[in-house]
Amino acid sequence: MSHWIYLSAAIATEVAGTVCMKLSNGFEQTTYSVLVFVFYGLSFYLLTIALKHIDVSIAYAIWAGAGVALISVLGLVVFNEPLNVGKVISLLAIVAGVVGLNLSTTAPATPGPL
């Protein structure tokens, strides 16, 4: 079960990295620029640990989809970005895709040859 905690932490650090990317103002703000790399590095590390027990297709879909959804909400709330019907429909499609992938998994991941 801890693999889901690692995946959740990977999502949170990826979102933090993306927020810092916005706050870095095109890498002009040194502190936020450094934090982009720190958070993304940590996110990939945590995602790698989660991939030991979660199918890559599921883990990456959840990581990317949840990240997009959370960043979209933060964009609306924190950065006052506009909301329109197209954005809402697109976000719902992402969520539906992630849920669909997760529901289609029938067996636990078994490492195989690359």
Protein backbone atom coordinates (compact mmCIF):
# COMPACT_ATOMS: atom_id res chain seq x y z
CA MET A 1 0.00 0.00 0.00
CA SER A 2 2.93 2.35 0.53
CA HIS A 3 3.44 2.47 -3.23
CA TRP A 4 0.27 4.56 -3.47
CA ILE A 5 1.72 6.94 -0.90
CA TYR A 6 4.86 7.25 -3.02
CA LEU A 7 2.72 7.93 -6.09
CA SER A 8 0.72 10.57 -4.21
CA ALA A 9 3.93 12.22 -3.04
CA ALA A 10 5.26 12.10 -6.61
CA ILE A 11 2.12 13.92 -7.79
CA ALA A 12 2.39 16.52 -5.03
CA THR A 13 6.05 17.25 -5.77
CA GLU A 14 5.38 17.43 -9.51
CA VAL A 15 2.62 19.97 -8.87
CA ALA A 16 4.93 21.92 -6.55
CA GLY A 17 7.58 21.94 -9.28
CA THR A 18 5.11 23.25 -11.84
CA VAL A 19 3.92 26.00 -9.48
CA CYS A 20 7.55 26.97 -8.90
CA MET A 21 8.04 27.02 -12.68
CA LYS A 22 5.27 29.59 -12.95
CA LEU A 23 6.66 31.59 -10.01
CA SER A 24 10.19 31.52 -11.45
CA ASN A 25 9.06 34.02 -14.11
CA GLY A 26 10.94 32.33 -16.92
CA PHE A 27 13.79 31.25 -14.62
CA GLU A 28 14.45 34.84 -13.57
CA GLN A 29 13.70 34.16 -9.87
CA THR A 30 16.63 32.07 -8.63
CA THR A 31 14.96 30.43 -5.62
CA TYR A 32 11.93 29.24 -7.56
CA SER A 33 14.14 28.18 -10.48
CA VAL A 34 16.20 25.93 -8.22
CA LEU A 35 13.04 24.55 -6.60
CA VAL A 36 11.72 23.51 -10.04
CA PHE A 37 14.60 21.06 -10.40
CA VAL A 38 14.46 19.94 -6.76
CA PHE A 39 10.74 19.16 -6.90
CA TYR A 40 10.85 17.50 -10.33
CA GLY A 41 13.86 15.40 -9.32
CA LEU A 42 12.08 14.31 -6.17
CA SER A 43 8.91 13.62 -8.14
CA PHE A 44 10.71 11.33 -10.59
CA TYR A 45 12.47 9.57 -7.73
CA LEU A 46 9.17 8.92 -5.93
CA LEU A 47 7.47 7.85 -9.16
CA THR A 48 10.29 5.38 -9.77
CA ILE A 49 9.74 3.83 -6.35
CA ALA A 50 5.99 3.61 -6.97
CA LEU A 51 6.64 1.85 -10.29
CA LYS A 52 8.09 -1.13 -8.42
CA HIS A 53 4.51 -2.16 -7.54
CA ILE A 54 2.18 -0.29 -9.92
CA ASP A 55 1.88 -0.87 -13.67
CA VAL A 56 3.67 1.90 -15.54
CA SER A 57 0.58 2.64 -17.64
CA ILE A 58 -1.54 3.12 -14.53
CA ALA A 59 1.04 5.00 -12.47
CA TYR A 60 1.97 7.40 -15.25
CA ALA A 61 -1.65 8.05 -16.19
CA ILE A 62 -2.52 8.83 -12.57
CA TRP A 63 0.65 10.92 -12.09
CA ALA A 64 0.09 12.95 -15.24
CA GLY A 65 -3.70 13.18 -15.02
CA ALA A 66 -3.82 14.14 -11.36
CA GLY A 67 -1.02 16.63 -11.95
CA VAL A 68 -2.92 18.26 -14.81
CA ALA A 69 -6.13 18.40 -12.79
CA LEU A 70 -4.44 19.85 -9.70
CA ILE A 71 -2.47 22.41 -11.69
CA SER A 72 -5.65 23.44 -13.48
CA VAL A 73 -7.41 24.03 -10.16
CA LEU A 74 -4.41 25.93 -8.79
CA GLY A 75 -4.31 27.99 -11.98
CA LEU A 76 -7.91 29.00 -11.41
CA VAL A 77 -7.64 29.62 -7.66
CA VAL A 78 -4.10 30.95 -7.18
CA PHE A 79 -3.22 32.48 -10.54
CA ASN A 80 -6.73 33.67 -11.50
CA GLU A 81 -6.68 31.88 -14.85
CA PRO A 82 -9.95 31.88 -16.78
CA LEU A 83 -12.31 28.89 -16.84
CA ASN A 84 -14.36 27.96 -19.86
CA VAL A 85 -16.44 25.03 -21.07
CA GLY A 86 -13.61 23.65 -23.19
CA LYS A 87 -11.29 23.42 -20.19
CA VAL A 88 -13.93 21.72 -18.06
CA ILE A 89 -14.74 19.14 -20.75
CA SER A 90 -11.04 18.47 -21.37
CA LEU A 91 -10.33 17.98 -17.67
CA LEU A 92 -13.28 15.63 -17.33
CA ALA A 93 -11.95 13.64 -20.29
CA ILE A 94 -8.55 13.32 -18.58
CA VAL A 95 -10.16 12.17 -15.33
CA ALA A 96 -12.36 9.68 -17.23
CA GLY A 97 -9.30 8.30 -19.02
CA VAL A 98 -7.36 7.83 -15.79
CA VAL A 99 -10.33 6.16 -14.10
CA GLY A 100 -10.86 3.94 -17.15
CA LEU A 101 -7.22 2.83 -17.16
CA ASN A 102 -7.31 2.13 -13.45
CA LEU A 103 -10.49 0.07 -13.73
CA SER A 104 -9.09 -1.96 -16.63
CA THR A 105 -6.24 -3.35 -14.55
CA THR A 106 -6.96 -6.95 -13.62
CA ALA A 107 -3.70 -8.30 -12.19
CA PRO A 108 -0.87 -6.87 -10.14
CA ALA A 109 2.24 -5.73 -11.95
CA THR A 110 4.89 -8.35 -12.59
CA PRO A 111 8.30 -7.13 -13.69
CA GLY A 112 9.29 -8.53 -17.04
CA PRO A 113 12.21 -8.19 -19.44
CA LEU A 114 12.79 -4.83 -21.06
